[in-house]
All heavy atoms as atom14 arrays in JSON, in Angstrom:
{
  "sequence": "FTDGQEESIFPDGTIVRIQRDGSKTIEFN",
  "atom14_mask": [
    [1, 1, 1, 1, 1, 1, 1, 1, 1, 1, 1, 0, 0, 0],
    [1, 1, 1, 1, 1, 1, 1, 0, 0, 0, 0, 0, 0, 0],
    [1, 1, 1, 1, 1, 1, 1, 1, 0, 0, 0, 0, 0, 0],
    [1, 1, 1, 1, 0, 0, 0, 0, 0, 0, 0, 0, 0, 0],
    [1, 1, 1, 1, 1, 1, 1, 1, 1, 0, 0, 0, 0, 0],
    [1, 1, 1, 1, 1, 1, 1, 1, 1, 0, 0, 0, 0, 0],
    [1, 1, 1, 1, 1, 1, 1, 1, 1, 0, 0, 0, 0, 0],
    [1, 1, 1, 1, 1, 1, 0, 0, 0, 0, 0, 0, 0, 0],
    [1, 1, 1, 1, 1, 1, 1, 1, 0, 0, 0, 0, 0, 0],
    [1, 1, 1, 1, 1, 1, 1, 1, 1, 1, 1, 0, 0, 0],
    [1, 1, 1, 1, 1, 1, 1, 0, 0, 0, 0, 0, 0, 0],
    [1, 1, 1, 1, 1, 1, 1, 1, 0, 0, 0, 0, 0, 0],
    [1, 1, 1, 1, 0, 0, 0, 0, 0, 0, 0, 0, 0, 0],
    [1, 1, 1, 1, 1, 1, 1, 0, 0, 0, 0, 0, 0, 0],
    [1, 1, 1, 1, 1, 1, 1, 1, 0, 0, 0, 0, 0, 0],
    [1, 1, 1, 1, 1, 1, 1, 0, 0, 0, 0, 0, 0, 0],
    [1, 1, 1, 1, 1, 1, 1, 1, 1, 1, 1, 0, 0, 0],
    [1, 1, 1, 1, 1, 1, 1, 1, 0, 0, 0, 0, 0, 0],
    [1, 1, 1, 1, 1, 1, 1, 1, 1, 0, 0, 0, 0, 0],
    [1, 1, 1, 1, 1, 1, 1, 1, 1, 1, 1, 0, 0, 0],
    [1, 1, 1, 1, 1, 1, 1, 1, 0, 0, 0, 0, 0, 0],
    [1, 1, 1, 1, 0, 0, 0, 0, 0, 0, 0, 0, 0, 0],
    [1, 1, 1, 1, 1, 1, 0, 0, 0, 0, 0, 0, 0, 0],
    [1, 1, 1, 1, 1, 1, 1, 1, 1, 0, 0, 0, 0, 0],
    [1, 1, 1, 1, 1, 1, 1, 0, 0, 0, 0, 0, 0, 0],
    [1, 1, 1, 1, 1, 1, 1, 1, 0, 0, 0, 0, 0, 0],
    [1, 1, 1, 1, 1, 1, 1, 1, 1, 0, 0, 0, 0, 0],
    [1, 1, 1, 1, 1, 1, 1, 1, 1, 1, 1, 0, 0, 0],
    [1, 1, 1, 1, 1, 1, 1, 1, 0, 0, 0, 0, 0, 0]
  ],
  "atom14_positions": [
    [[2.57, 36.31, -13.69], [2.25, 37.13, -12.53], [3.48, 37.33, -11.66], [4.42, 36.52, -11.68], [1.11, 36.48, -11.73], [-0.16, 36.35, -12.54], [-0.47, 35.16, -13.17], [-1.01, 37.44, -12.69], [-1.63, 35.04, -13.93], [-2.17, 37.32, -13.44], [-2.48, 36.13, -14.07], [0.0, 0.0, 0.0], [0.0, 0.0, 0.0], [0.0, 0.0, 0.0]],
    [[3.47, 38.38, -10.87], [4.63, 38.73, -10.05], [4.91, 37.68, -8.97], [6.03, 37.58, -8.49], [4.44, 40.11, -9.39], [3.21, 40.1, -8.66], [4.39, 41.19, -10.45], [0.0, 0.0, 0.0], [0.0, 0.0, 0.0], [0.0, 0.0, 0.0], [0.0, 0.0, 0.0], [0.0, 0.0, 0.0], [0.0, 0.0, 0.0], [0.0, 0.0, 0.0]],
    [[3.9, 36.9, -8.57], [4.1, 35.89, -7.54], [4.62, 34.57, -8.1], [4.74, 33.58, -7.38], [2.81, 35.65, -6.74], [1.68, 35.1, -7.6], [1.88, 34.86, -8.81], [0.58, 34.91, -7.05], [0.0, 0.0, 0.0], [0.0, 0.0, 0.0], [0.0, 0.0, 0.0], [0.0, 0.0, 0.0], [0.0, 0.0, 0.0], [0.0, 0.0, 0.0]],
    [[4.93, 34.53, -9.42], [5.49, 33.33, -10.03], [4.47, 32.45, -10.72], [4.83, 31.48, -11.38], [0.0, 0.0, 0.0], [0.0, 0.0, 0.0], [0.0, 0.0, 0.0], [0.0, 0.0, 0.0], [0.0, 0.0, 0.0], [0.0, 0.0, 0.0], [0.0, 0.0, 0.0], [0.0, 0.0, 0.0], [0.0, 0.0, 0.0], [0.0, 0.0, 0.0]],
    [[3.19, 32.75, -10.58], [2.17, 31.96, -11.26], [2.1, 32.33, -12.74], [2.46, 33.43, -13.12], [0.8, 32.18, -10.62], [0.72, 31.7, -9.18], [-0.68, 31.87, -8.64], [-1.61, 31.25, -9.13], [-0.82, 32.72, -7.63], [0.0, 0.0, 0.0], [0.0, 0.0, 0.0], [0.0, 0.0, 0.0], [0.0, 0.0, 0.0], [0.0, 0.0, 0.0]],
    [[1.64, 31.37, -13.55], [1.48, 31.59, -14.98], [0.1, 31.13, -15.39], [-0.45, 30.2, -14.81], [2.5, 30.76, -15.77], [3.92, 31.16, -15.6], [4.86, 30.31, -16.46], [4.4, 29.64, -17.42], [6.06, 30.33, -16.17], [0.0, 0.0, 0.0], [0.0, 0.0, 0.0], [0.0, 0.0, 0.0], [0.0, 0.0, 0.0], [0.0, 0.0, 0.0]],
    [[-0.43, 31.77, -16.42], [-1.71, 31.36, -16.98], [-1.62, 31.5, -18.49], [-1.19, 32.53, -19.0], [-2.83, 32.25, -16.45], [-4.18, 32.0, -17.08], [-5.22, 33.0, -16.61], [-5.14, 34.17, -17.05], [-6.08, 32.61, -15.82], [0.0, 0.0, 0.0], [0.0, 0.0, 0.0], [0.0, 0.0, 0.0], [0.0, 0.0, 0.0], [0.0, 0.0, 0.0]],
    [[-2.0, 30.44, -19.21], [-2.03, 30.48, -20.67], [-3.45, 30.2, -21.13], [-4.07, 29.24, -20.67], [-1.08, 29.43, -21.27], [0.25, 29.73, -20.94], [0.0, 0.0, 0.0], [0.0, 0.0, 0.0], [0.0, 0.0, 0.0], [0.0, 0.0, 0.0], [0.0, 0.0, 0.0], [0.0, 0.0, 0.0], [0.0, 0.0, 0.0], [0.0, 0.0, 0.0]],
    [[-3.93, 31.04, -22.04], [-5.27, 30.87, -22.59], [-5.08, 30.62, -24.09], [-4.58, 31.47, -24.82], [-6.13, 32.12, -22.35], [-6.18, 32.42, -20.85], [-7.53, 31.93, -22.92], [-6.7, 33.8, -20.51], [0.0, 0.0, 0.0], [0.0, 0.0, 0.0], [0.0, 0.0, 0.0], [0.0, 0.0, 0.0], [0.0, 0.0, 0.0], [0.0, 0.0, 0.0]],
    [[-5.48, 29.42, -24.53], [-5.28, 29.02, -25.92], [-6.49, 29.39, -26.77], [-7.6, 29.54, -26.25], [-5.0, 27.51, -25.98], [-3.7, 27.14, -25.32], [-3.66, 26.81, -23.98], [-2.51, 27.15, -26.05], [-2.45, 26.5, -23.36], [-1.31, 26.83, -25.43], [-1.28, 26.51, -24.09], [0.0, 0.0, 0.0], [0.0, 0.0, 0.0], [0.0, 0.0, 0.0]],
    [[-6.3, 29.53, -28.08], [-7.4, 29.94, -28.96], [-8.63, 29.03, -28.88], [-9.74, 29.48, -29.09], [-6.78, 29.88, -30.36], [-5.32, 30.1, -30.13], [-5.03, 29.43, -28.82], [0.0, 0.0, 0.0], [0.0, 0.0, 0.0], [0.0, 0.0, 0.0], [0.0, 0.0, 0.0], [0.0, 0.0, 0.0], [0.0, 0.0, 0.0], [0.0, 0.0, 0.0]],
    [[-8.43, 27.74, -28.55], [-9.57, 26.83, -28.47], [-10.32, 26.93, -27.14], [-11.28, 26.22, -26.91], [-9.14, 25.38, -28.71], [-8.31, 24.79, -27.58], [-7.98, 25.51, -26.6], [-7.98, 23.59, -27.66], [0.0, 0.0, 0.0], [0.0, 0.0, 0.0], [0.0, 0.0, 0.0], [0.0, 0.0, 0.0], [0.0, 0.0, 0.0], [0.0, 0.0, 0.0]],
    [[-9.86, 27.83, -26.25], [-10.53, 28.02, -24.97], [-9.89, 27.27, -23.81], [-10.27, 27.45, -22.66], [0.0, 0.0, 0.0], [0.0, 0.0, 0.0], [0.0, 0.0, 0.0], [0.0, 0.0, 0.0], [0.0, 0.0, 0.0], [0.0, 0.0, 0.0], [0.0, 0.0, 0.0], [0.0, 0.0, 0.0], [0.0, 0.0, 0.0], [0.0, 0.0, 0.0]],
    [[-8.91, 26.4, -24.1], [-8.21, 25.68, -23.04], [-7.4, 26.68, -22.21], [-6.77, 27.58, -22.75], [-7.27, 24.61, -23.63], [-8.04, 23.7, -24.4], [-6.5, 23.87, -22.55], [0.0, 0.0, 0.0], [0.0, 0.0, 0.0], [0.0, 0.0, 0.0], [0.0, 0.0, 0.0], [0.0, 0.0, 0.0], [0.0, 0.0, 0.0], [0.0, 0.0, 0.0]],
    [[-7.44, 26.51, -20.88], [-6.7, 27.38, -19.98], [-5.75, 26.52, -19.15], [-6.17, 25.52, -18.56], [-7.65, 28.17, -19.04], [-8.6, 29.03, -19.86], [-6.86, 29.01, -18.04], [-9.71, 29.68, -19.05], [0.0, 0.0, 0.0], [0.0, 0.0, 0.0], [0.0, 0.0, 0.0], [0.0, 0.0, 0.0], [0.0, 0.0, 0.0], [0.0, 0.0, 0.0]],
    [[-4.48, 26.9, -19.1], [-3.48, 26.19, -18.3], [-2.95, 27.16, -17.26], [-2.51, 28.26, -17.59], [-2.31, 25.66, -19.17], [-1.25, 25.0, -18.3], [-2.82, 24.7, -20.23], [0.0, 0.0, 0.0], [0.0, 0.0, 0.0], [0.0, 0.0, 0.0], [0.0, 0.0, 0.0], [0.0, 0.0, 0.0], [0.0, 0.0, 0.0], [0.0, 0.0, 0.0]],
    [[-3.04, 26.75, -15.98], [-2.51, 27.58, -14.9], [-1.4, 26.79, -14.2], [-1.58, 25.63, -13.85], [-3.6, 27.91, -13.89], [-4.64, 28.85, -14.46], [-5.67, 29.26, -13.39], [-6.63, 30.17, -13.97], [-7.78, 29.8, -14.53], [-8.11, 28.53, -14.59], [-8.61, 30.7, -15.04], [0.0, 0.0, 0.0], [0.0, 0.0, 0.0], [0.0, 0.0, 0.0]],
    [[-0.26, 27.45, -14.0], [0.88, 26.83, -13.32], [1.13, 27.61, -12.04], [1.31, 28.83, -12.07], [2.13, 26.81, -14.22], [1.83, 26.05, -15.51], [3.31, 26.19, -13.47], [2.94, 26.09, -16.54], [0.0, 0.0, 0.0], [0.0, 0.0, 0.0], [0.0, 0.0, 0.0], [0.0, 0.0, 0.0], [0.0, 0.0, 0.0], [0.0, 0.0, 0.0]],
    [[1.13, 26.89, -10.92], [1.37, 27.51, -9.62], [2.87, 27.58, -9.35], [3.68, 26.96, -10.04], [0.69, 26.69, -8.51], [-0.8, 26.49, -8.72], [-1.57, 27.79, -8.84], [-1.34, 28.73, -8.09], [-2.47, 27.86, -9.81], [0.0, 0.0, 0.0], [0.0, 0.0, 0.0], [0.0, 0.0, 0.0], [0.0, 0.0, 0.0], [0.0, 0.0, 0.0]],
    [[3.23, 28.32, -8.32], [4.65, 28.47, -7.97], [5.3, 27.14, -7.63], [6.49, 26.94, -7.86], [4.81, 29.42, -6.79], [4.61, 30.85, -7.19], [5.03, 31.82, -6.11], [4.91, 31.31, -4.78], [4.37, 31.94, -3.75], [3.89, 33.13, -3.92], [4.32, 31.41, -2.56], [0.0, 0.0, 0.0], [0.0, 0.0, 0.0], [0.0, 0.0, 0.0]],
    [[4.53, 26.21, -7.05], [5.09, 24.9, -6.66], [5.23, 23.96, -7.85], [5.66, 22.82, -7.7], [4.24, 24.25, -5.56], [2.83, 23.89, -6.02], [2.49, 24.09, -7.22], [2.05, 23.42, -5.17], [0.0, 0.0, 0.0], [0.0, 0.0, 0.0], [0.0, 0.0, 0.0], [0.0, 0.0, 0.0], [0.0, 0.0, 0.0], [0.0, 0.0, 0.0]],
    [[4.84, 24.42, -9.05], [4.96, 23.6, -10.25], [3.7, 22.82, -10.6], [3.63, 22.23, -11.67], [0.0, 0.0, 0.0], [0.0, 0.0, 0.0], [0.0, 0.0, 0.0], [0.0, 0.0, 0.0], [0.0, 0.0, 0.0], [0.0, 0.0, 0.0], [0.0, 0.0, 0.0], [0.0, 0.0, 0.0], [0.0, 0.0, 0.0], [0.0, 0.0, 0.0]],
    [[2.73, 22.79, -9.69], [1.49, 22.08, -10.02], [0.76, 22.82, -11.13], [0.88, 24.04, -11.27], [0.6, 21.92, -8.78], [0.19, 23.18, -8.29], [0.0, 0.0, 0.0], [0.0, 0.0, 0.0], [0.0, 0.0, 0.0], [0.0, 0.0, 0.0], [0.0, 0.0, 0.0], [0.0, 0.0, 0.0], [0.0, 0.0, 0.0], [0.0, 0.0, 0.0]],
    [[0.04, 22.06, -11.93], [-0.59, 22.61, -13.13], [-2.05, 22.22, -13.17], [-2.4, 21.07, -12.88], [0.13, 22.03, -14.35], [-0.35, 22.55, -15.67], [0.24, 21.8, -16.87], [1.73, 21.82, -16.95], [2.23, 21.21, -18.2], [0.0, 0.0, 0.0], [0.0, 0.0, 0.0], [0.0, 0.0, 0.0], [0.0, 0.0, 0.0], [0.0, 0.0, 0.0]],
    [[-2.91, 23.17, -13.51], [-4.33, 22.91, -13.72], [-4.64, 23.22, -15.18], [-4.26, 24.28, -15.68], [-5.2, 23.81, -12.82], [-4.81, 23.63, -11.46], [-6.67, 23.47, -12.97], [0.0, 0.0, 0.0], [0.0, 0.0, 0.0], [0.0, 0.0, 0.0], [0.0, 0.0, 0.0], [0.0, 0.0, 0.0], [0.0, 0.0, 0.0], [0.0, 0.0, 0.0]],
    [[-5.31, 22.28, -15.84], [-5.7, 22.47, -17.23], [-7.22, 22.4, -17.3], [-7.81, 21.4, -16.85], [-5.08, 21.4, -18.16], [-3.57, 21.35, -17.99], [-5.48, 21.65, -19.61], [-2.92, 20.14, -18.62], [0.0, 0.0, 0.0], [0.0, 0.0, 0.0], [0.0, 0.0, 0.0], [0.0, 0.0, 0.0], [0.0, 0.0, 0.0], [0.0, 0.0, 0.0]],
    [[-7.84, 23.44, -17.83], [-9.29, 23.44, -18.02], [-9.54, 23.37, -19.52], [-9.17, 24.28, -20.26], [-9.91, 24.72, -17.44], [-9.74, 24.81, -15.93], [-10.22, 26.13, -15.36], [-10.92, 26.89, -16.07], [-9.89, 26.4, -14.2], [0.0, 0.0, 0.0], [0.0, 0.0, 0.0], [0.0, 0.0, 0.0], [0.0, 0.0, 0.0], [0.0, 0.0, 0.0]],
    [[-10.15, 22.26, -19.95], [-10.42, 22.05, -21.38], [-11.77, 22.66, -21.75], [-12.66, 22.78, -20.91], [-10.41, 20.55, -21.7], [-9.07, 19.9, -21.47], [-8.78, 19.25, -20.27], [-8.07, 19.95, -22.44], [-7.55, 18.66, -20.05], [-6.83, 19.37, -22.22], [-6.57, 18.72, -21.02], [0.0, 0.0, 0.0], [0.0, 0.0, 0.0], [0.0, 0.0, 0.0]],
    [[-11.93, 22.97, -23.02], [-13.17, 23.6, -23.47], [-14.35, 22.62, -23.49], [-15.49, 23.04, -23.66], [-12.99, 24.26, -24.84], [-12.59, 23.28, -25.92], [-12.53, 22.08, -25.7], [-12.31, 23.8, -27.1], [0.0, 0.0, 0.0], [0.0, 0.0, 0.0], [0.0, 0.0, 0.0], [0.0, 0.0, 0.0], [0.0, 0.0, 0.0], [0.0, 0.0, 0.0]]
  ]
}
């Protein structure tokens, strides 16, 4: 994203979001 955030969606449904401050949220399936 333009604000520096990232989001990855894996084939197994896991979602990883990285904020601008480097903190990371992982949502498992």
